[in-house]
Amino acid sequence: MKNIRIASISPGLLNIREHHYAHRTHFKIVDVRYGEIAWNDHDGNLLFADARRTV
C-alpha cells in the first residue's frame, strides 16, 4: 500500500452475556484510507492493483 492514512479507530465489545460471544474480548475497528494497493495471490498466480485518483 502507498499513501496510507488511518481515518478512524473505534472500540468494540460484543454482548458477552450471549453464550456464543462469552469467550470473546474487546476489539478495535480501524478504518484505513490509501492511495494505491496491490493484492497478490500466490496460489492462483493472480495480481490485482487499484489506485485512487485524486483531482
PDB file of N, CA and C in Angstrom:
ATOM      1  N   MET A   1       0.835  -1.171   0.000  1.00  0.00           N
ATOM      2  CA  MET A   1       0.000   0.000   0.000  1.00  0.00           C
ATOM      3  C   MET A   1       0.884   1.240   0.000  1.00  0.00           C
ATOM      4  N   LYS A   2       0.373   2.238  -0.670  1.00  0.00           N
ATOM      5  CA  LYS A   2       1.068   3.519  -0.723  1.00  0.00           C
ATOM      6  C   LYS A   2       0.115   4.619  -0.300  1.00  0.00           C
ATOM      7  N   ASN A   3       0.685   5.671   0.292  1.00  0.00           N
ATOM      8  CA  ASN A   3      -0.088   6.827   0.735  1.00  0.00           C
ATOM      9  C   ASN A   3      -1.192   6.414   1.715  1.00  0.00           C
ATOM     10  N   ILE A   4      -0.798   5.768   2.812  1.00  0.00           N
ATOM     11  CA  ILE A   4      -1.739   5.228   3.801  1.00  0.00           C
ATOM     12  C   ILE A   4      -2.044   6.271   4.864  1.00  0.00           C
ATOM     13  N   ARG A   5      -3.335   6.367   5.233  1.00  0.00           N
ATOM     14  CA  ARG A   5      -3.776   7.225   6.324  1.00  0.00           C
ATOM     15  C   ARG A   5      -4.801   6.471   7.165  1.00  0.00           C
ATOM     16  N   ILE A   6      -4.700   6.563   8.469  1.00  0.00           N
ATOM     17  CA  ILE A   6      -5.703   5.985   9.352  1.00  0.00           C
ATOM     18  C   ILE A   6      -6.815   7.009   9.504  1.00  0.00           C
ATOM     19  N   ALA A   7      -8.028   6.616   9.094  1.00  0.00           N
ATOM     20  CA  ALA A   7      -9.161   7.539   9.141  1.00  0.00           C
ATOM     21  C   ALA A   7      -9.795   7.569  10.523  1.00  0.00           C
ATOM     22  N   SER A   8      -9.968   6.393  11.152  1.00  0.00           N
ATOM     23  CA  SER A   8     -10.549   6.363  12.491  1.00  0.00           C
ATOM     24  C   SER A   8     -10.234   5.040  13.167  1.00  0.00           C
ATOM     25  N   ILE A   9     -10.293   5.049  14.492  1.00  0.00           N
ATOM     26  CA  ILE A   9     -10.151   3.852  15.305  1.00  0.00           C
ATOM     27  C   ILE A   9     -11.315   3.849  16.285  1.00  0.00           C
ATOM     28  N   SER A  10     -12.113   2.770  16.256  1.00  0.00           N
ATOM     29  CA  SER A  10     -13.284   2.682  17.122  1.00  0.00           C
ATOM     30  C   SER A  10     -13.208   1.422  17.976  1.00  0.00           C
ATOM     31  N   PRO A  11     -13.491   1.531  19.282  1.00  0.00           N
ATOM     32  CA  PRO A  11     -13.507   0.336  20.123  1.00  0.00           C
ATOM     33  C   PRO A  11     -14.820  -0.424  19.940  1.00  0.00           C
ATOM     34  N   GLY A  12     -14.786  -1.710  20.202  1.00  0.00           N
ATOM     35  CA  GLY A  12     -15.985  -2.525  20.109  1.00  0.00           C
ATOM     36  C   GLY A  12     -15.997  -3.601  21.176  1.00  0.00           C
ATOM     37  N   LEU A  13     -17.188  -4.000  21.595  1.00  0.00           N
ATOM     38  CA  LEU A  13     -17.343  -5.059  22.574  1.00  0.00           C
ATOM     39  C   LEU A  13     -18.647  -5.773  22.284  1.00  0.00           C
ATOM     40  N   LEU A  14     -18.578  -7.081  22.123  1.00  0.00           N
ATOM     41  CA  LEU A  14     -19.774  -7.875  21.872  1.00  0.00           C
ATOM     42  C   LEU A  14     -20.515  -8.110  23.181  1.00  0.00           C
ATOM     43  N   ASN A  15     -21.783  -8.472  23.086  1.00  0.00           N
ATOM     44  CA  ASN A  15     -22.586  -8.759  24.270  1.00  0.00           C
ATOM     45  C   ASN A  15     -22.144 -10.103  24.839  1.00  0.00           C
ATOM     46  N   ILE A  16     -21.308 -10.076  25.892  1.00  0.00           N
ATOM     47  CA  ILE A  16     -20.750 -11.322  26.421  1.00  0.00           C
ATOM     48  C   ILE A  16     -21.760 -12.120  27.227  1.00  0.00           C
ATOM     49  N   ARG A  17     -22.947 -11.594  27.436  1.00  0.00           N
ATOM     50  CA  ARG A  17     -23.998 -12.359  28.113  1.00  0.00           C
ATOM     51  C   ARG A  17     -24.598 -13.415  27.191  1.00  0.00           C
ATOM     52  N   GLU A  18     -24.445 -13.242  25.889  1.00  0.00           N
ATOM     53  CA  GLU A  18     -24.895 -14.253  24.942  1.00  0.00           C
ATOM     54  C   GLU A  18     -23.856 -15.363  24.891  1.00  0.00           C
ATOM     55  N   HIS A  19     -24.325 -16.596  24.874  1.00  0.00           N
ATOM     56  CA  HIS A  19     -23.443 -17.761  25.005  1.00  0.00           C
ATOM     57  C   HIS A  19     -22.347 -17.811  23.935  1.00  0.00           C
ATOM     58  N   HIS A  20     -22.666 -17.568  22.678  1.00  0.00           N
ATOM     59  CA  HIS A  20     -21.672 -17.699  21.616  1.00  0.00           C
ATOM     60  C   HIS A  20     -20.678 -16.535  21.581  1.00  0.00           C
ATOM     61  N   TYR A  21     -20.892 -15.475  22.343  1.00  0.00           N
ATOM     62  CA  TYR A  21     -19.934 -14.378  22.443  1.00  0.00           C
ATOM     63  C   TYR A  21     -19.186 -14.367  23.784  1.00  0.00           C
ATOM     64  N   ALA A  22     -19.450 -15.329  24.643  1.00  0.00           N
ATOM     65  CA  ALA A  22     -18.907 -15.319  26.007  1.00  0.00           C
ATOM     66  C   ALA A  22     -17.383 -15.373  26.034  1.00  0.00           C
ATOM     67  N   HIS A  23     -16.748 -16.021  25.080  1.00  0.00           N
ATOM     68  CA  HIS A  23     -15.288 -16.159  25.078  1.00  0.00           C
ATOM     69  C   HIS A  23     -14.584 -15.039  24.312  1.00  0.00           C
ATOM     70  N   ARG A  24     -15.321 -14.116  23.766  1.00  0.00           N
ATOM     71  CA  ARG A  24     -14.731 -13.012  23.002  1.00  0.00           C
ATOM     72  C   ARG A  24     -14.304 -11.880  23.925  1.00  0.00           C
ATOM     73  N   THR A  25     -13.291 -11.147  23.487  1.00  0.00           N
ATOM     74  CA  THR A  25     -12.863  -9.967  24.227  1.00  0.00           C
ATOM     75  C   THR A  25     -13.139  -8.726  23.378  1.00  0.00           C
ATOM     76  N   HIS A  26     -12.700  -7.589  23.835  1.00  0.00           N
ATOM     77  CA  HIS A  26     -12.917  -6.349  23.089  1.00  0.00           C
ATOM     78  C   HIS A  26     -12.071  -6.355  21.812  1.00  0.00           C
ATOM     79  N   PHE A  27     -12.428  -5.498  20.887  1.00  0.00           N
ATOM     80  CA  PHE A  27     -11.714  -5.396  19.618  1.00  0.00           C
ATOM     81  C   PHE A  27     -11.719  -3.953  19.152  1.00  0.00           C
ATOM     82  N   LYS A  28     -10.922  -3.673  18.166  1.00  0.00           N
ATOM     83  CA  LYS A  28     -10.830  -2.336  17.574  1.00  0.00           C
ATOM     84  C   LYS A  28     -11.209  -2.430  16.100  1.00  0.00           C
ATOM     85  N   ILE A  29     -11.887  -1.421  15.603  1.00  0.00           N
ATOM     86  CA  ILE A  29     -12.203  -1.293  14.187  1.00  0.00           C
ATOM     87  C   ILE A  29     -11.345  -0.146  13.651  1.00  0.00           C
ATOM     88  N   VAL A  30     -10.497  -0.452  12.673  1.00  0.00           N
ATOM     89  CA  VAL A  30      -9.582   0.543  12.118  1.00  0.00           C
ATOM     90  C   VAL A  30      -9.979   0.814  10.675  1.00  0.00           C
ATOM     91  N   ASP A  31     -10.311   2.060  10.370  1.00  0.00           N
ATOM     92  CA  ASP A  31     -10.609   2.477   9.001  1.00  0.00           C
ATOM     93  C   ASP A  31      -9.338   3.059   8.408  1.00  0.00           C
ATOM     94  N   VAL A  32      -8.953   2.521   7.247  1.00  0.00           N
ATOM     95  CA  VAL A  32      -7.716   2.924   6.587  1.00  0.00           C
ATOM     96  C   VAL A  32      -8.046   3.490   5.212  1.00  0.00           C
ATOM     97  N   ARG A  33      -7.450   4.597   4.880  1.00  0.00           N
ATOM     98  CA  ARG A  33      -7.553   5.197   3.542  1.00  0.00           C
ATOM     99  C   ARG A  33      -6.192   5.036   2.869  1.00  0.00           C
ATOM    100  N   TYR A  34      -6.202   4.720   1.602  1.00  0.00           N
ATOM    101  CA  TYR A  34      -4.944   4.515   0.891  1.00  0.00           C
ATOM    102  C   TYR A  34      -5.059   5.057  -0.524  1.00  0.00           C
ATOM    103  N   GLY A  35      -3.929   5.380  -1.100  1.00  0.00           N
ATOM    104  CA  GLY A  35      -3.896   5.879  -2.462  1.00  0.00           C
ATOM    105  C   GLY A  35      -3.741   4.777  -3.482  1.00  0.00           C
ATOM    106  N   GLU A  36      -2.981   3.744  -3.132  1.00  0.00           N
ATOM    107  CA  GLU A  36      -2.732   2.650  -4.075  1.00  0.00           C
ATOM    108  C   GLU A  36      -2.525   1.361  -3.288  1.00  0.00           C
ATOM    109  N   ILE A  37      -3.067   0.253  -3.827  1.00  0.00           N
ATOM    110  CA  ILE A  37      -2.920  -1.048  -3.174  1.00  0.00           C
ATOM    111  C   ILE A  37      -2.717  -2.117  -4.246  1.00  0.00           C
ATOM    112  N   ALA A  38      -1.958  -3.136  -3.905  1.00  0.00           N
ATOM    113  CA  ALA A  38      -1.745  -4.272  -4.814  1.00  0.00           C
ATOM    114  C   ALA A  38      -1.969  -5.562  -4.037  1.00  0.00           C
ATOM    115  N   TRP A  39      -2.840  -6.426  -4.564  1.00  0.00           N
ATOM    116  CA  TRP A  39      -3.120  -7.722  -3.962  1.00  0.00           C
ATOM    117  C   TRP A  39      -2.419  -8.783  -4.791  1.00  0.00           C
ATOM    118  N   ASN A  40      -1.734  -9.701  -4.131  1.00  0.00           N
ATOM    119  CA  ASN A  40      -1.010 -10.752  -4.828  1.00  0.00           C
ATOM    120  C   ASN A  40      -1.408 -12.097  -4.232  1.00  0.00           C
ATOM    121  N   ASP A  41      -2.038 -12.965  -5.034  1.00  0.00           N
ATOM    122  CA  ASP A  41      -2.427 -14.310  -4.609  1.00  0.00           C
ATOM    123  C   ASP A  41      -1.435 -15.294  -5.210  1.00  0.00           C
ATOM    124  N   HIS A  42      -0.568 -15.847  -4.385  1.00  0.00           N
ATOM    125  CA  HIS A  42       0.482 -16.726  -4.881  1.00  0.00           C
ATOM    126  C   HIS A  42      -0.057 -18.081  -5.338  1.00  0.00           C
ATOM    127  N   ASP A  43      -1.130 -18.574  -4.718  1.00  0.00           N
ATOM    128  CA  ASP A  43      -1.672 -19.879  -5.095  1.00  0.00           C
ATOM    129  C   ASP A  43      -2.294 -19.847  -6.486  1.00  0.00           C
ATOM    130  N   GLY A  44      -3.018 -18.796  -6.792  1.00  0.00           N
ATOM    131  CA  GLY A  44      -3.684 -18.702  -8.082  1.00  0.00           C
ATOM    132  C   GLY A  44      -2.909 -17.895  -9.102  1.00  0.00           C
ATOM    133  N   ASN A  45      -1.726 -17.417  -8.730  1.00  0.00           N
ATOM    134  CA  ASN A  45      -0.891 -16.611  -9.602  1.00  0.00           C
ATOM    135  C   ASN A  45      -1.668 -15.401 -10.131  1.00  0.00           C
ATOM    136  N   LEU A  46      -2.338 -14.688  -9.209  1.00  0.00           N
ATOM    137  CA  LEU A  46      -3.135 -13.527  -9.565  1.00  0.00           C
ATOM    138  C   LEU A  46      -2.531 -12.273  -8.955  1.00  0.00           C
ATOM    139  N   LEU A  47      -2.603 -11.174  -9.683  1.00  0.00           N
ATOM    140  CA  LEU A  47      -2.149  -9.883  -9.195  1.00  0.00           C
ATOM    141  C   LEU A  47      -3.207  -8.851  -9.553  1.00  0.00           C
ATOM    142  N   PHE A  48      -3.664  -8.101  -8.565  1.00  0.00           N
ATOM    143  CA  PHE A  48      -4.649  -7.055  -8.795  1.00  0.00           C
ATOM    144  C   PHE A  48      -4.144  -5.784  -8.141  1.00  0.00           C
ATOM    145  N   ALA A  49      -4.207  -4.704  -8.860  1.00  0.00           N
ATOM    146  CA  ALA A  49      -3.778  -3.416  -8.327  1.00  0.00           C
ATOM    147  C   ALA A  49      -4.904  -2.399  -8.523  1.00  0.00           C
ATOM    148  N   ASP A  50      -5.028  -1.508  -7.558  1.00  0.00           N
ATOM    149  CA  ASP A  50      -6.054  -0.474  -7.611  1.00  0.00           C
ATOM    150  C   ASP A  50      -5.449   0.826  -7.101  1.00  0.00           C
ATOM    151  N   ALA A  51      -5.781   1.906  -7.754  1.00  0.00           N
ATOM    152  CA  ALA A  51      -5.283   3.218  -7.339  1.00  0.00           C
ATOM    153  C   ALA A  51      -6.447   4.193  -7.293  1.00  0.00           C
ATOM    154  N   ARG A  52      -6.455   5.007  -6.277  1.00  0.00           N
ATOM    155  CA  ARG A  52      -7.484   6.041  -6.144  1.00  0.00           C
ATOM    156  C   ARG A  52      -6.961   7.317  -6.777  1.00  0.00           C
ATOM    157  N   ARG A  53      -7.719   7.837  -7.683  1.00  0.00           N
ATOM    158  CA  ARG A  53      -7.301   9.063  -8.357  1.00  0.00           C
ATOM    159  C   ARG A  53      -7.812  10.261  -7.591  1.00  0.00           C
ATOM    160  N   THR A  54      -6.932  11.196  -7.344  1.00  0.00           N
ATOM    161  CA  THR A  54      -7.334  12.444  -6.692  1.00  0.00           C
ATOM    162  C   THR A  54      -7.197  13.572  -7.686  1.00  0.00           C
ATOM    163  N   VAL A  55      -8.135  14.479  -7.655  1.00  0.00           N
ATOM    164  CA  VAL A  55      -8.138  15.602  -8.598  1.00  0.00           C
ATOM    165  C   VAL A  55      -7.446  16.776  -8.002  1.00  0.00           C
TER     166      VAL A  55
END
